[in-house]
Amino acid sequence: APIATRFHTYDIPCDSVSRAYIQAIHGHPAFKAWRDAAFKETLVIEQDEVDWPKVKRVPEAAV
């Protein structure tokens, strides 16, 4: 489901068999329940956020 979701979210081109699989996943009741629950989730785990840990940027002059 995670890969099918990414293909769907980012509208990645794929063949008709793959597209049918993605549509089947998104239409499955268990997937719909999981997705709906995820949208209602309010817990934020800081360490899983994009900027954690803080990444030190390399100065442009060093690149």
C-alpha atoms as a PDB file:
ATOM      1  CA  ALA A   1       0.000   0.000   0.000  1.00  0.00           C
ATOM      2  CA  PRO A   2       2.744   2.589   0.715  1.00  0.00           C
ATOM      3  CA  ILE A   3       4.177   2.357  -2.801  1.00  0.00           C
ATOM      4  CA  ALA A   4       0.730   2.359  -4.410  1.00  0.00           C
ATOM      5  CA  THR A   5      -0.115   5.449  -2.365  1.00  0.00           C
ATOM      6  CA  ARG A   6       3.006   7.262  -3.529  1.00  0.00           C
ATOM      7  CA  PHE A   7       2.295   6.436  -7.172  1.00  0.00           C
ATOM      8  CA  HIS A   8      -1.248   7.739  -6.682  1.00  0.00           C
ATOM      9  CA  THR A   9      -0.261  10.854  -4.705  1.00  0.00           C
ATOM     10  CA  TYR A  10       2.469  11.947  -7.102  1.00  0.00           C
ATOM     11  CA  ASP A  11       0.579  10.813 -10.227  1.00  0.00           C
ATOM     12  CA  ILE A  12       3.540   8.734 -11.385  1.00  0.00           C
ATOM     13  CA  PRO A  13       2.981   7.261 -14.851  1.00  0.00           C
ATOM     14  CA  CYS A  14       2.675   3.475 -14.964  1.00  0.00           C
ATOM     15  CA  ASP A  15       1.234   0.734 -17.139  1.00  0.00           C
ATOM     16  CA  SER A  16      -2.416  -0.311 -17.076  1.00  0.00           C
ATOM     17  CA  VAL A  17      -1.800  -3.372 -14.874  1.00  0.00           C
ATOM     18  CA  SER A  18      -0.021  -1.273 -12.249  1.00  0.00           C
ATOM     19  CA  ARG A  19      -2.719   1.412 -12.448  1.00  0.00           C
ATOM     20  CA  ALA A  20      -5.415  -1.249 -11.882  1.00  0.00           C
ATOM     21  CA  TYR A  21      -3.496  -2.537  -8.842  1.00  0.00           C
ATOM     22  CA  ILE A  22      -3.193   0.996  -7.421  1.00  0.00           C
ATOM     23  CA  GLN A  23      -6.919   1.575  -7.925  1.00  0.00           C
ATOM     24  CA  ALA A  24      -7.725  -1.778  -6.302  1.00  0.00           C
ATOM     25  CA  ILE A  25      -5.607  -0.905  -3.254  1.00  0.00           C
ATOM     26  CA  HIS A  26      -7.243   2.515  -2.916  1.00  0.00           C
ATOM     27  CA  GLY A  27     -10.697   0.965  -3.262  1.00  0.00           C
ATOM     28  CA  HIS A  28     -10.180  -1.752  -0.651  1.00  0.00           C
ATOM     29  CA  PRO A  29     -12.233  -1.224   2.539  1.00  0.00           C
ATOM     30  CA  ALA A  30      -9.263  -1.958   4.830  1.00  0.00           C
ATOM     31  CA  PHE A  31      -7.116   0.616   3.032  1.00  0.00           C
ATOM     32  CA  LYS A  32      -9.901   3.198   3.193  1.00  0.00           C
ATOM     33  CA  ALA A  33     -10.311   2.611   6.939  1.00  0.00           C
ATOM     34  CA  TRP A  34      -6.535   2.874   7.478  1.00  0.00           C
ATOM     35  CA  ARG A  35      -6.317   6.081   5.422  1.00  0.00           C
ATOM     36  CA  ASP A  36      -9.312   7.645   7.163  1.00  0.00           C
ATOM     37  CA  ALA A  37      -7.807   6.846  10.571  1.00  0.00           C
ATOM     38  CA  ALA A  38      -4.481   8.356   9.497  1.00  0.00           C
ATOM     39  CA  PHE A  39      -6.161  11.635   8.548  1.00  0.00           C
ATOM     40  CA  LYS A  40      -7.736  11.792  12.022  1.00  0.00           C
ATOM     41  CA  GLU A  41      -4.442  11.103  13.841  1.00  0.00           C
ATOM     42  CA  THR A  42      -3.215  14.041  15.919  1.00  0.00           C
ATOM     43  CA  LEU A  43      -0.121  12.537  17.579  1.00  0.00           C
ATOM     44  CA  VAL A  44       3.132  14.071  16.350  1.00  0.00           C
ATOM     45  CA  ILE A  45       6.388  12.257  17.060  1.00  0.00           C
ATOM     46  CA  GLU A  46       9.019  14.968  16.793  1.00  0.00           C
ATOM     47  CA  GLN A  47      11.848  12.607  15.868  1.00  0.00           C
ATOM     48  CA  ASP A  48       9.886  11.472  12.818  1.00  0.00           C
ATOM     49  CA  GLU A  49       9.445  14.982  11.485  1.00  0.00           C
ATOM     50  CA  VAL A  50      11.385  16.088   8.410  1.00  0.00           C
ATOM     51  CA  ASP A  51      13.801  18.433  10.178  1.00  0.00           C
ATOM     52  CA  TRP A  52      14.756  16.039  12.964  1.00  0.00           C
ATOM     53  CA  PRO A  53      17.571  15.815  13.691  1.00  0.00           C
ATOM     54  CA  LYS A  54      18.574  19.252  12.535  1.00  0.00           C
ATOM     55  CA  VAL A  55      20.843  18.814   9.550  1.00  0.00           C
ATOM     56  CA  LYS A  56      23.836  21.082   9.474  1.00  0.00           C
ATOM     57  CA  ARG A  57      24.130  22.510   6.003  1.00  0.00           C
ATOM     58  CA  VAL A  58      27.460  22.532   4.216  1.00  0.00           C
ATOM     59  CA  PRO A  59      28.450  26.103   3.328  1.00  0.00           C
ATOM     60  CA  GLU A  60      28.157  26.766  -0.419  1.00  0.00           C
ATOM     61  CA  ALA A  61      31.836  27.724  -0.580  1.00  0.00           C
ATOM     62  CA  ALA A  62      32.760  24.202   0.539  1.00  0.00           C
ATOM     63  CA  VAL A  63      30.786  22.489  -2.223  1.00  0.00           C
END
